[in-house]
Amino acid sequence: LRYWGALASIKYATPNINEGGSINLMSGTANQRPGAGWALASSIC
């Protein structure tokens, strides 16, 4: 859901986006500073 869903959404949304439009995604600081138990969260971010 978090990665492949986003990728598919970008793929199929792009042809419909008007000039000046944007795509905005969700990430997190777990990638920048992970803690113990955060391996998956860090990886997806």
Full PDB file with SEQRES, HELIX, SHEET, SSBOND, CRYST1, ORIGX, SCALE, CONECT and MASTER records, all heavy atoms in Angstrom:
SEQRES   1 A   45  LEU ARG TYR TRP GLY ALA LEU ALA SER ILE LYS TYR ALA          
SEQRES   2 A   45  THR PRO ASN ILE ASN GLU GLY GLY SER ILE ASN LEU MET          
SEQRES   3 A   45  SER GLY THR ALA ASN GLN ARG PRO GLY ALA GLY TRP ALA          
SEQRES   4 A   45  LEU ALA SER SER ILE CYS                                      
HELIX    1 AA1 TRP A    4  ALA A   13  1                                  10    
HELIX    2 AA2 THR A   14  ASN A   16  5                                   3    
HELIX    3 AA3 ALA A   39  ILE A   44  1                                   6    
CRYST1    1.000    1.000    1.000  90.00  90.00  90.00 P 1           1          
ORIGX1      1.000000  0.000000  0.000000        0.00000                         
ORIGX2      0.000000  1.000000  0.000000        0.00000                         
ORIGX3      0.000000  0.000000  1.000000        0.00000                         
SCALE1      1.000000  0.000000  0.000000        0.00000                         
SCALE2      0.000000  1.000000  0.000000        0.00000                         
SCALE3      0.000000  0.000000  1.000000        0.00000                         
ATOM      1  N   LEU A   1       0.819  -1.206   0.000  1.00  0.00           N  
ATOM      2  CA  LEU A   1       0.000   0.000   0.000  1.00  0.00           C  
ATOM      3  C   LEU A   1       0.854   1.259   0.000  1.00  0.00           C  
ATOM      4  O   LEU A   1       0.613   2.192  -0.765  1.00  0.00           O  
ATOM      5  CB  LEU A   1      -0.931  -0.010   1.218  1.00  0.00           C  
ATOM      6  CG  LEU A   1      -1.922   1.140   1.351  1.00  0.00           C  
ATOM      7  CD1 LEU A   1      -2.840   1.197   0.128  1.00  0.00           C  
ATOM      8  CD2 LEU A   1      -2.744   0.987   2.620  1.00  0.00           C  
ATOM      9  N   ARG A   2       1.878   1.270   0.829  1.00  0.00           N  
ATOM     10  CA  ARG A   2       2.640   2.502   1.016  1.00  0.00           C  
ATOM     11  C   ARG A   2       3.539   2.840  -0.168  1.00  0.00           C  
ATOM     12  O   ARG A   2       3.659   4.012  -0.539  1.00  0.00           O  
ATOM     13  CB  ARG A   2       3.482   2.405   2.295  1.00  0.00           C  
ATOM     14  CG  ARG A   2       2.641   2.390   3.551  1.00  0.00           C  
ATOM     15  CD  ARG A   2       3.510   2.249   4.796  1.00  0.00           C  
ATOM     16  NE  ARG A   2       2.693   2.359   5.990  1.00  0.00           N  
ATOM     17  CZ  ARG A   2       2.417   3.507   6.605  1.00  0.00           C  
ATOM     18  NH1 ARG A   2       2.905   4.626   6.114  1.00  0.00           N  
ATOM     19  NH2 ARG A   2       1.666   3.536   7.671  1.00  0.00           N  
ATOM     20  N   TYR A   3       4.194   1.839  -0.741  1.00  0.00           N  
ATOM     21  CA  TYR A   3       5.105   2.121  -1.855  1.00  0.00           C  
ATOM     22  C   TYR A   3       4.475   1.786  -3.208  1.00  0.00           C  
ATOM     23  O   TYR A   3       4.366   2.653  -4.084  1.00  0.00           O  
ATOM     24  CB  TYR A   3       6.418   1.359  -1.696  1.00  0.00           C  
ATOM     25  CG  TYR A   3       7.358   1.617  -2.863  1.00  0.00           C  
ATOM     26  CD1 TYR A   3       8.112   2.787  -2.909  1.00  0.00           C  
ATOM     27  CD2 TYR A   3       7.447   0.723  -3.931  1.00  0.00           C  
ATOM     28  CE1 TYR A   3       8.949   3.049  -3.996  1.00  0.00           C  
ATOM     29  CE2 TYR A   3       8.271   0.977  -5.012  1.00  0.00           C  
ATOM     30  CZ  TYR A   3       9.020   2.133  -5.040  1.00  0.00           C  
ATOM     31  OH  TYR A   3       9.827   2.400  -6.120  1.00  0.00           O  
ATOM     32  N   TRP A   4       4.064   0.531  -3.402  1.00  0.00           N  
ATOM     33  CA  TRP A   4       3.541   0.137  -4.707  1.00  0.00           C  
ATOM     34  C   TRP A   4       2.242   0.851  -5.040  1.00  0.00           C  
ATOM     35  O   TRP A   4       1.989   1.197  -6.204  1.00  0.00           O  
ATOM     36  CB  TRP A   4       3.364  -1.378  -4.778  1.00  0.00           C  
ATOM     37  CG  TRP A   4       4.669  -2.106  -4.748  1.00  0.00           C  
ATOM     38  CD1 TRP A   4       5.148  -2.907  -3.751  1.00  0.00           C  
ATOM     39  CD2 TRP A   4       5.705  -2.074  -5.742  1.00  0.00           C  
ATOM     40  NE1 TRP A   4       6.398  -3.381  -4.067  1.00  0.00           N  
ATOM     41  CE2 TRP A   4       6.769  -2.882  -5.281  1.00  0.00           C  
ATOM     42  CE3 TRP A   4       5.828  -1.441  -6.975  1.00  0.00           C  
ATOM     43  CZ2 TRP A   4       7.933  -3.078  -6.009  1.00  0.00           C  
ATOM     44  CZ3 TRP A   4       6.998  -1.627  -7.710  1.00  0.00           C  
ATOM     45  CH2 TRP A   4       8.032  -2.442  -7.225  1.00  0.00           C  
ATOM     46  N   GLY A   5       1.422   1.102  -4.018  1.00  0.00           N  
ATOM     47  CA  GLY A   5       0.208   1.876  -4.258  1.00  0.00           C  
ATOM     48  C   GLY A   5       0.517   3.286  -4.708  1.00  0.00           C  
ATOM     49  O   GLY A   5      -0.133   3.832  -5.607  1.00  0.00           O  
ATOM     50  N   ALA A   6       1.531   3.884  -4.088  1.00  0.00           N  
ATOM     51  CA  ALA A   6       1.949   5.233  -4.480  1.00  0.00           C  
ATOM     52  C   ALA A   6       2.508   5.239  -5.895  1.00  0.00           C  
ATOM     53  O   ALA A   6       2.193   6.117  -6.710  1.00  0.00           O  
ATOM     54  CB  ALA A   6       2.981   5.766  -3.490  1.00  0.00           C  
ATOM     55  N   LEU A   7       3.342   4.247  -6.202  1.00  0.00           N  
ATOM     56  CA  LEU A   7       3.954   4.167  -7.528  1.00  0.00           C  
ATOM     57  C   LEU A   7       2.883   4.005  -8.612  1.00  0.00           C  
ATOM     58  O   LEU A   7       2.918   4.682  -9.658  1.00  0.00           O  
ATOM     59  CB  LEU A   7       4.937   3.008  -7.578  1.00  0.00           C  
ATOM     60  CG  LEU A   7       5.788   2.890  -8.852  1.00  0.00           C  
ATOM     61  CD1 LEU A   7       6.780   4.029  -8.946  1.00  0.00           C  
ATOM     62  CD2 LEU A   7       6.514   1.554  -8.875  1.00  0.00           C  
ATOM     63  N   ALA A   8       1.922   3.115  -8.373  1.00  0.00           N  
ATOM     64  CA  ALA A   8       0.850   2.911  -9.342  1.00  0.00           C  
ATOM     65  C   ALA A   8       0.003   4.168  -9.493  1.00  0.00           C  
ATOM     66  O   ALA A   8      -0.414   4.519 -10.609  1.00  0.00           O  
ATOM     67  CB  ALA A   8      -0.028   1.734  -8.907  1.00  0.00           C  
ATOM     68  N   SER A   9      -0.240   4.851  -8.402  1.00  0.00           N  
ATOM     69  CA  SER A   9      -1.031   6.077  -8.462  1.00  0.00           C  
ATOM     70  C   SER A   9      -0.337   7.138  -9.303  1.00  0.00           C  
ATOM     71  O   SER A   9      -0.970   7.831 -10.108  1.00  0.00           O  
ATOM     72  CB  SER A   9      -1.297   6.602  -7.045  1.00  0.00           C  
ATOM     73  OG  SER A   9      -2.073   5.672  -6.310  1.00  0.00           O  
ATOM     74  N   ILE A  10       0.959   7.270  -9.116  1.00  0.00           N  
ATOM     75  CA  ILE A  10       1.712   8.219  -9.925  1.00  0.00           C  
ATOM     76  C   ILE A  10       1.640   7.838 -11.399  1.00  0.00           C  
ATOM     77  O   ILE A  10       1.414   8.685 -12.272  1.00  0.00           O  
ATOM     78  CB  ILE A  10       3.179   8.279  -9.452  1.00  0.00           C  
ATOM     79  CG1 ILE A  10       3.256   8.844  -8.035  1.00  0.00           C  
ATOM     80  CG2 ILE A  10       4.021   9.128 -10.404  1.00  0.00           C  
ATOM     81  CD1 ILE A  10       4.631   8.696  -7.394  1.00  0.00           C  
ATOM     82  N   LYS A  11       1.838   6.559 -11.681  1.00  0.00           N  
ATOM     83  CA  LYS A  11       1.829   6.089 -13.067  1.00  0.00           C  
ATOM     84  C   LYS A  11       0.534   6.445 -13.788  1.00  0.00           C  
ATOM     85  O   LYS A  11       0.547   6.984 -14.908  1.00  0.00           O  
ATOM     86  CB  LYS A  11       2.045   4.572 -13.095  1.00  0.00           C  
ATOM     87  CG  LYS A  11       1.942   3.960 -14.495  1.00  0.00           C  
ATOM     88  CD  LYS A  11       2.170   2.451 -14.469  1.00  0.00           C  
ATOM     89  CE  LYS A  11       2.023   1.846 -15.870  1.00  0.00           C  
ATOM     90  NZ  LYS A  11       2.268   0.380 -15.863  1.00  0.00           N  
ATOM     91  N   TYR A  12      -0.593   6.148 -13.150  1.00  0.00           N  
ATOM     92  CA  TYR A  12      -1.874   6.322 -13.823  1.00  0.00           C  
ATOM     93  C   TYR A  12      -2.450   7.731 -13.661  1.00  0.00           C  
ATOM     94  O   TYR A  12      -3.312   8.136 -14.444  1.00  0.00           O  
ATOM     95  CB  TYR A  12      -2.859   5.271 -13.320  1.00  0.00           C  
ATOM     96  CG  TYR A  12      -2.428   3.871 -13.697  1.00  0.00           C  
ATOM     97  CD1 TYR A  12      -2.054   2.945 -12.722  1.00  0.00           C  
ATOM     98  CD2 TYR A  12      -2.359   3.483 -15.029  1.00  0.00           C  
ATOM     99  CE1 TYR A  12      -1.635   1.671 -13.072  1.00  0.00           C  
ATOM    100  CE2 TYR A  12      -1.944   2.207 -15.395  1.00  0.00           C  
ATOM    101  CZ  TYR A  12      -1.578   1.308 -14.404  1.00  0.00           C  
ATOM    102  OH  TYR A  12      -1.157   0.051 -14.770  1.00  0.00           O  
ATOM    103  N   ALA A  13      -1.967   8.478 -12.662  1.00  0.00           N  
ATOM    104  CA  ALA A  13      -2.461   9.840 -12.467  1.00  0.00           C  
ATOM    105  C   ALA A  13      -1.801  10.833 -13.411  1.00  0.00           C  
ATOM    106  O   ALA A  13      -2.437  11.804 -13.849  1.00  0.00           O  
ATOM    107  CB  ALA A  13      -2.212  10.281 -11.024  1.00  0.00           C  
ATOM    108  N   THR A  14      -0.548  10.604 -13.740  1.00  0.00           N  
ATOM    109  CA  THR A  14       0.256  11.596 -14.462  1.00  0.00           C  
ATOM    110  C   THR A  14      -0.400  12.124 -15.738  1.00  0.00           C  
ATOM    111  O   THR A  14      -0.390  13.347 -15.972  1.00  0.00           O  
ATOM    112  CB  THR A  14       1.648  11.019 -14.770  1.00  0.00           C  
ATOM    113  OG1 THR A  14       2.310  10.731 -13.522  1.00  0.00           O  
ATOM    114  CG2 THR A  14       2.486  12.004 -15.553  1.00  0.00           C  
ATOM    115  N   PRO A  15      -0.989  11.286 -16.584  1.00  0.00           N  
ATOM    116  CA  PRO A  15      -1.585  11.827 -17.822  1.00  0.00           C  
ATOM    117  C   PRO A  15      -2.727  12.808 -17.585  1.00  0.00           C  
ATOM    118  O   PRO A  15      -3.077  13.581 -18.483  1.00  0.00           O  
ATOM    119  CB  PRO A  15      -2.095  10.571 -18.546  1.00  0.00           C  
ATOM    120  CG  PRO A  15      -1.286   9.449 -17.991  1.00  0.00           C  
ATOM    121  CD  PRO A  15      -1.048   9.809 -16.563  1.00  0.00           C  
ATOM    122  N   ASN A  16      -3.305  12.792 -16.379  1.00  0.00           N  
ATOM    123  CA  ASN A  16      -4.469  13.630 -16.086  1.00  0.00           C  
ATOM    124  C   ASN A  16      -4.124  14.930 -15.372  1.00  0.00           C  
ATOM    125  O   ASN A  16      -5.017  15.739 -15.096  1.00  0.00           O  
ATOM    126  CB  ASN A  16      -5.476  12.867 -15.221  1.00  0.00           C  
ATOM    127  CG  ASN A  16      -6.124  11.708 -15.944  1.00  0.00           C  
ATOM    128  OD1 ASN A  16      -6.041  11.613 -17.167  1.00  0.00           O  
ATOM    129  ND2 ASN A  16      -6.759  10.824 -15.196  1.00  0.00           N  
ATOM    130  N   ILE A  17      -2.862  15.134 -15.027  1.00  0.00           N  
ATOM    131  CA  ILE A  17      -2.495  16.301 -14.221  1.00  0.00           C  
ATOM    132  C   ILE A  17      -2.349  17.536 -15.104  1.00  0.00           C  
ATOM    133  O   ILE A  17      -1.614  17.535 -16.089  1.00  0.00           O  
ATOM    134  CB  ILE A  17      -1.200  16.035 -13.431  1.00  0.00           C  
ATOM    135  CG1 ILE A  17      -1.435  14.889 -12.439  1.00  0.00           C  
ATOM    136  CG2 ILE A  17      -0.747  17.293 -12.684  1.00  0.00           C  
ATOM    137  CD1 ILE A  17      -0.193  14.481 -11.658  1.00  0.00           C  
ATOM    138  N   ASN A  18      -3.059  18.594 -14.738  1.00  0.00           N  
ATOM    139  CA  ASN A  18      -3.025  19.835 -15.501  1.00  0.00           C  
ATOM    140  C   ASN A  18      -1.673  20.528 -15.393  1.00  0.00           C  
ATOM    141  O   ASN A  18      -0.899  20.291 -14.453  1.00  0.00           O  
ATOM    142  CB  ASN A  18      -4.112  20.794 -14.990  1.00  0.00           C  
ATOM    143  CG  ASN A  18      -5.512  20.297 -15.297  1.00  0.00           C  
ATOM    144  OD1 ASN A  18      -5.749  19.717 -16.356  1.00  0.00           O  
ATOM    145  ND2 ASN A  18      -6.444  20.534 -14.379  1.00  0.00           N  
ATOM    146  N   GLU A  19      -1.401  21.405 -16.335  1.00  0.00           N  
ATOM    147  CA  GLU A  19      -0.184  22.210 -16.305  1.00  0.00           C  
ATOM    148  C   GLU A  19      -0.099  22.965 -14.980  1.00  0.00           C  
ATOM    149  O   GLU A  19      -1.084  23.536 -14.515  1.00  0.00           O  
ATOM    150  CB  GLU A  19      -0.177  23.204 -17.464  1.00  0.00           C  
ATOM    151  CG  GLU A  19       1.074  24.051 -17.546  1.00  0.00           C  
ATOM    152  CD  GLU A  19       1.063  24.983 -18.730  1.00  0.00           C  
ATOM    153  OE1 GLU A  19       0.123  24.902 -19.560  1.00  0.00           O  
ATOM    154  OE2 GLU A  19       1.989  25.826 -18.836  1.00  0.00           O  
ATOM    155  N   GLY A  20       1.078  22.958 -14.378  1.00  0.00           N  
ATOM    156  CA  GLY A  20       1.263  23.608 -13.081  1.00  0.00           C  
ATOM    157  C   GLY A  20       0.894  22.732 -11.900  1.00  0.00           C  
ATOM    158  O   GLY A  20       0.968  23.178 -10.750  1.00  0.00           O  
ATOM    159  N   GLY A  21       0.514  21.487 -12.175  1.00  0.00           N  
ATOM    160  CA  GLY A  21       0.077  20.591 -11.113  1.00  0.00           C  
ATOM    161  C   GLY A  21       1.223  19.928 -10.381  1.00  0.00           C  
ATOM    162  O   GLY A  21       2.396  20.108 -10.710  1.00  0.00           O  
ATOM    163  N   SER A  22       0.865  19.111  -9.387  1.00  0.00           N  
ATOM    164  CA  SER A  22       1.891  18.499  -8.550  1.00  0.00           C  
ATOM    165  C   SER A  22       1.455  17.153  -8.006  1.00  0.00           C  
ATOM    166  O   SER A  22       0.266  16.834  -7.954  1.00  0.00           O  
ATOM    167  CB  SER A  22       2.248  19.416  -7.373  1.00  0.00           C  
ATOM    168  OG  SER A  22       1.187  19.464  -6.421  1.00  0.00           O  
ATOM    169  N   ILE A  23       2.457  16.378  -7.593  1.00  0.00           N  
ATOM    170  CA  ILE A  23       2.277  15.113  -6.891  1.00  0.00           C  
ATOM    171  C   ILE A  23       2.967  15.247  -5.548  1.00  0.00           C  
ATOM    172  O   ILE A  23       4.114  15.714  -5.469  1.00  0.00           O  
ATOM    173  CB  ILE A  23       2.880  13.949  -7.692  1.00  0.00           C  
ATOM    174  CG1 ILE A  23       2.133  13.759  -9.021  1.00  0.00           C  
ATOM    175  CG2 ILE A  23       2.873  12.654  -6.885  1.00  0.00           C  
ATOM    176  CD1 ILE A  23       2.827  12.845  -9.995  1.00  0.00           C  
ATOM    177  N   ASN A  24       2.294  14.835  -4.485  1.00  0.00           N  
ATOM    178  CA  ASN A  24       2.813  15.030  -3.133  1.00  0.00           C  
ATOM    179  C   ASN A  24       2.733  13.730  -2.348  1.00  0.00           C  
ATOM    180  O   ASN A  24       1.657  13.144  -2.221  1.00  0.00           O  
ATOM    181  CB  ASN A  24       2.009  16.129  -2.430  1.00  0.00           C  
ATOM    182  CG  ASN A  24       2.032  17.422  -3.226  1.00  0.00           C  
ATOM    183  OD1 ASN A  24       2.929  18.234  -3.092  1.00  0.00           O  
ATOM    184  ND2 ASN A  24       1.027  17.609  -4.091  1.00  0.00           N  
ATOM    185  N   LEU A  25       3.867  13.284  -1.851  1.00  0.00           N  
ATOM    186  CA  LEU A  25       3.992  11.966  -1.228  1.00  0.00           C  
ATOM    187  C   LEU A  25       4.245  12.076   0.270  1.00  0.00           C  
ATOM    188  O   LEU A  25       4.650  13.117   0.773  1.00  0.00           O  
ATOM    189  CB  LEU A  25       5.131  11.196  -1.891  1.00  0.00           C  
ATOM    190  CG  LEU A  25       5.036  11.042  -3.416  1.00  0.00           C  
ATOM    191  CD1 LEU A  25       6.302  10.407  -3.968  1.00  0.00           C  
ATOM    192  CD2 LEU A  25       3.800  10.231  -3.804  1.00  0.00           C  
ATOM    193  N   MET A  26       4.044  10.956   0.960  1.00  0.00           N  
ATOM    194  CA  MET A  26       4.244  10.886   2.404  1.00  0.00           C  
ATOM    195  C   MET A  26       5.504  10.098   2.721  1.00  0.00           C  
ATOM    196  O   MET A  26       5.661   8.958   2.297  1.00  0.00           O  
ATOM    197  CB  MET A  26       3.039  10.193   3.045  1.00  0.00           C  
ATOM    198  CG  MET A  26       2.982  10.281   4.556  1.00  0.00           C  
ATOM    199  SD  MET A  26       2.485  11.911   5.112  1.00  0.00           S  
ATOM    200  CE  MET A  26       3.905  12.336   6.133  1.00  0.00           C  
ATOM    201  N   SER A  27       6.406  10.714   3.460  1.00  0.00           N  
ATOM    202  CA  SER A  27       7.602  10.029   3.926  1.00  0.00           C  
ATOM    203  C   SER A  27       7.694  10.228   5.444  1.00  0.00           C  
ATOM    204  O   SER A  27       6.706  10.589   6.084  1.00  0.00           O  
ATOM    205  CB  SER A  27       8.838  10.572   3.204  1.00  0.00           C  
ATOM    206  OG  SER A  27       9.998   9.852   3.597  1.00  0.00           O  
ATOM    207  N   GLY A  28       8.857   9.966   6.012  1.00  0.00           N  
ATOM    208  CA  GLY A  28       8.986  10.120   7.454  1.00  0.00           C  
ATOM    209  C   GLY A  28      10.437  10.175   7.895  1.00  0.00           C  
ATOM    210  O   GLY A  28      11.344   9.739   7.173  1.00  0.00           O  
ATOM    211  N   THR A  29      10.642  10.684   9.087  1.00  0.00           N  
ATOM    212  CA  THR A  29      12.001  10.863   9.602  1.00  0.00           C  
ATOM    213  C   THR A  29      12.647   9.558  10.034  1.00  0.00           C  
ATOM    214  O   THR A  29      13.826   9.551  10.395  1.00  0.00           O  
ATOM    215  CB  THR A  29      12.002  11.838  10.792  1.00  0.00           C  
ATOM    216  OG1 THR A  29      11.084  11.363  11.792  1.00  0.00           O  
ATOM    217  CG2 THR A  29      11.580  13.231  10.354  1.00  0.00           C  
ATOM    218  N   ALA A  30      11.908   8.455   9.994  1.00  0.00           N  
ATOM    219  CA  ALA A  30      12.517   7.162  10.324  1.00  0.00           C  
ATOM    220  C   ALA A  30      13.679   6.846   9.396  1.00  0.00           C  
ATOM    221  O   ALA A  30      14.593   6.102   9.769  1.00  0.00           O  
ATOM    222  CB  ALA A  30      11.477   6.048  10.254  1.00  0.00           C  
ATOM    223  N   ASN A  31      13.647   7.394   8.188  1.00  0.00           N  
ATOM    224  CA  ASN A  31      14.762   7.195   7.259  1.00  0.00           C  
ATOM    225  C   ASN A  31      15.998   7.951   7.702  1.00  0.00           C  
ATOM    226  O   ASN A  31      17.119   7.478   7.557  1.00  0.00           O  
ATOM    227  CB  ASN A  31      14.353   7.649   5.859  1.00  0.00           C  
ATOM    228  CG  ASN A  31      15.482   7.515   4.847  1.00  0.00           C  
ATOM    229  OD1 ASN A  31      16.136   6.479   4.780  1.00  0.00           O  
ATOM    230  ND2 ASN A  31      15.715   8.550   4.066  1.00  0.00           N  
ATOM    231  N   GLN A  32      15.814   9.137   8.264  1.00  0.00           N  
ATOM    232  CA  GLN A  32      16.928   9.971   8.688  1.00  0.00           C  
ATOM    233  C   GLN A  32      17.494   9.551  10.036  1.00  0.00           C  
ATOM    234  O   GLN A  32      18.697   9.643  10.259  1.00  0.00           O  
ATOM    235  CB  GLN A  32      16.482  11.443   8.766  1.00  0.00           C  
ATOM    236  CG  GLN A  32      16.035  12.014   7.437  1.00  0.00           C  
ATOM    237  CD  GLN A  32      15.286  13.314   7.602  1.00  0.00           C  
ATOM    238  OE1 GLN A  32      14.058  13.341   7.638  1.00  0.00           O  
ATOM    239  NE2 GLN A  32      16.017  14.407   7.694  1.00  0.00           N  
ATOM    240  N   ARG A  33      16.601   9.113  10.924  1.00  0.00           N  
ATOM    241  CA  ARG A  33      17.065   8.732  12.261  1.00  0.00           C  
ATOM    242  C   ARG A  33      16.236   7.565  12.796  1.00  0.00           C  
ATOM    243  O   ARG A  33      15.357   7.739  13.631  1.00  0.00           O  
ATOM    244  CB  ARG A  33      16.994   9.920  13.213  1.00  0.00           C  
ATOM    245  CG  ARG A  33      17.704   9.642  14.514  1.00  0.00           C  
ATOM    246  CD  ARG A  33      17.872  10.873  15.357  1.00  0.00           C  
ATOM    247  NE  ARG A  33      18.649  10.549  16.537  1.00  0.00           N  
ATOM    248  CZ  ARG A  33      18.960  11.430  17.476  1.00  0.00           C  
ATOM    249  NH1 ARG A  33      18.565  12.671  17.377  1.00  0.00           N  
ATOM    250  NH2 ARG A  33      19.669  11.058  18.523  1.00  0.00           N  
ATOM    251  N   PRO A  34      16.518   6.365  12.345  1.00  0.00           N  
ATOM    252  CA  PRO A  34      15.742   5.205  12.805  1.00  0.00           C  
ATOM    253  C   PRO A  34      16.129   4.785  14.215  1.00  0.00           C  
ATOM    254  O   PRO A  34      17.246   5.048  14.668  1.00  0.00           O  
ATOM    255  CB  PRO A  34      16.111   4.121  11.793  1.00  0.00           C  
ATOM    256  CG  PRO A  34      17.492   4.493  11.349  1.00  0.00           C  
ATOM    257  CD  PRO A  34      17.541   5.997  11.353  1.00  0.00           C  
ATOM    258  N   GLY A  35      15.191   4.131  14.869  1.00  0.00           N  
ATOM    259  CA  GLY A  35      15.473   3.534  16.168  1.00  0.00           C  
ATOM    260  C   GLY A  35      15.331   2.036  16.075  1.00  0.00           C  
ATOM    261  O   GLY A  35      14.956   1.479  15.037  1.00  0.00           O  
ATOM    262  N   ALA A  36      15.628   1.341  17.161  1.00  0.00           N  
ATOM    263  CA  ALA A  36      15.457  -0.106  17.193  1.00  0.00           C  
ATOM    264  C   ALA A  36      13.988  -0.447  16.954  1.00  0.00           C  
ATOM    265  O   ALA A  36      13.090   0.166  17.530  1.00  0.00           O  
ATOM    266  CB  ALA A  36      15.911  -0.650  18.542  1.00  0.00           C  
ATOM    267  N   GLY A  37      13.737  -1.416  16.087  1.00  0.00           N  
ATOM    268  CA  GLY A  37      12.377  -1.807  15.762  1.00  0.00           C  
ATOM    269  C   GLY A  37      11.776  -1.043  14.599  1.00  0.00           C  
ATOM    270  O   GLY A  37      10.638  -1.295  14.205  1.00  0.00           O  
ATOM    271  N   TRP A  38      12.527  -0.126  14.021  1.00  0.00           N  
ATOM    272  CA  TRP A  38      12.007   0.730  12.967  1.00  0.00           C  
ATOM    273  C   TRP A  38      12.538   0.335  11.587  1.00  0.00           C  
ATOM    274  O   TRP A  38      12.496   1.137  10.657  1.00  0.00           O  
ATOM    275  CB  TRP A  38      12.379   2.189  13.250  1.00  0.00           C  
ATOM    276  CG  TRP A  38      11.588   2.807  14.365  1.00  0.00           C  
ATOM    277  CD1 TRP A  38      11.730   2.563  15.691  1.00  0.00           C  
ATOM    278  CD2 TRP A  38      10.547   3.775  14.240  1.00  0.00           C  
ATOM    279  NE1 TRP A  38      10.842   3.315  16.425  1.00  0.00           N  
ATOM    280  CE2 TRP A  38      10.094   4.070  15.546  1.00  0.00           C  
ATOM    281  CE3 TRP A  38       9.950   4.411  13.157  1.00  0.00           C  
ATOM    282  CZ2 TRP A  38       9.067   4.981  15.789  1.00  0.00           C  
ATOM    283  CZ3 TRP A  38       8.929   5.318  13.399  1.00  0.00           C  
ATOM    284  CH2 TRP A  38       8.496   5.599  14.708  1.00  0.00           C  
ATOM    285  N   ALA A  39      13.034  -0.875  11.423  1.00  0.00           N  
ATOM    286  CA  ALA A  39      13.654  -1.258  10.150  1.00  0.00           C  
ATOM    287  C   ALA A  39      12.702  -1.087   8.974  1.00  0.00           C  
ATOM    288  O   ALA A  39      13.070  -0.520   7.935  1.00  0.00           O  
ATOM    289  CB  ALA A  39      14.152  -2.700  10.227  1.00  0.00           C  
ATOM    290  N   LEU A  40      11.463  -1.580   9.098  1.00  0.00           N  
ATOM    291  CA  LEU A  40      10.516  -1.476   7.991  1.00  0.00           C  
ATOM    292  C   LEU A  40      10.100  -0.038   7.739  1.00  0.00           C  
ATOM    293  O   LEU A  40      10.032   0.416   6.589  1.00  0.00           O  
ATOM    294  CB  LEU A  40       9.288  -2.334   8.260  1.00  0.00           C  
ATOM    295  CG  LEU A  40       9.514  -3.846   8.238  1.00  0.00           C  
ATOM    296  CD1 LEU A  40       8.212  -4.572   8.539  1.00  0.00           C  
ATOM    297  CD2 LEU A  40      10.073  -4.284   6.899  1.00  0.00           C  
ATOM    298  N   ALA A  41       9.813   0.685   8.814  1.00  0.00           N  
ATOM    299  CA  ALA A  41       9.420   2.083   8.656  1.00  0.00           C  
ATOM    300  C   ALA A  41      10.540   2.886   8.017  1.00  0.00           C  
ATOM    301  O   ALA A  41      10.302   3.707   7.117  1.00  0.00           O  
ATOM    302  CB  ALA A  41       9.048   2.677  10.016  1.00  0.00           C  
ATOM    303  N   SER A  42      11.773   2.652   8.445  1.00  0.00           N  
ATOM    304  CA  SER A  42      12.916   3.349   7.869  1.00  0.00           C  
ATOM    305  C   SER A  42      13.071   2.995   6.396  1.00  0.00           C  
ATOM    306  O   SER A  42      13.354   3.863   5.553  1.00  0.00           O  
ATOM    307  CB  SER A  42      14.186   2.990   8.639  1.00  0.00           C  
ATOM    308  OG  SER A  42      15.309   3.644   8.086  1.00  0.00           O  
ATOM    309  N   SER A  43      12.886   1.726   6.064  1.00  0.00           N  
ATOM    310  CA  SER A  43      13.044   1.273   4.682  1.00  0.00           C  
ATOM    311  C   SER A  43      12.019   1.907   3.760  1.00  0.00           C  
ATOM    312  O   SER A  43      12.357   2.366   2.658  1.00  0.00           O  
ATOM    313  CB  SER A  43      12.926  -0.249   4.615  1.00  0.00           C  
ATOM    314  OG  SER A  43      13.937  -0.875   5.365  1.00  0.00           O  
ATOM    315  N   ILE A  44      10.759   1.947   4.184  1.00  0.00           N  
ATOM    316  CA  ILE A  44       9.728   2.512   3.323  1.00  0.00           C  
ATOM    317  C   ILE A  44       9.913   4.004   3.168  1.00  0.00           C  
ATOM    318  O   ILE A  44       9.709   4.574   2.092  1.00  0.00           O  
ATOM    319  CB  ILE A  44       8.313   2.176   3.831  1.00  0.00           C  
ATOM    320  CG1 ILE A  44       7.259   2.554   2.780  1.00  0.00           C  
ATOM    321  CG2 ILE A  44       7.989   2.867   5.128  1.00  0.00           C  
ATOM    322  CD1 ILE A  44       7.328   1.793   1.508  1.00  0.00           C  
ATOM    323  N   CYS A  45      10.342   4.689   4.228  1.00  0.00           N  
ATOM    324  CA  CYS A  45      10.578   6.132   4.130  1.00  0.00           C  
ATOM    325  C   CYS A  45      11.739   6.421   3.176  1.00  0.00           C  
ATOM    326  O   CYS A  45      11.683   7.366   2.381  1.00  0.00           O  
ATOM    327  CB  CYS A  45      10.864   6.722   5.511  1.00  0.00           C  
ATOM    328  SG  CYS A  45       9.419   6.751   6.601  1.00  0.00           S  
TER     329      CYS A  45                                                      
MASTER        0    0    0    3    0    0    0    6  328    1    0    4          
END                                                                             
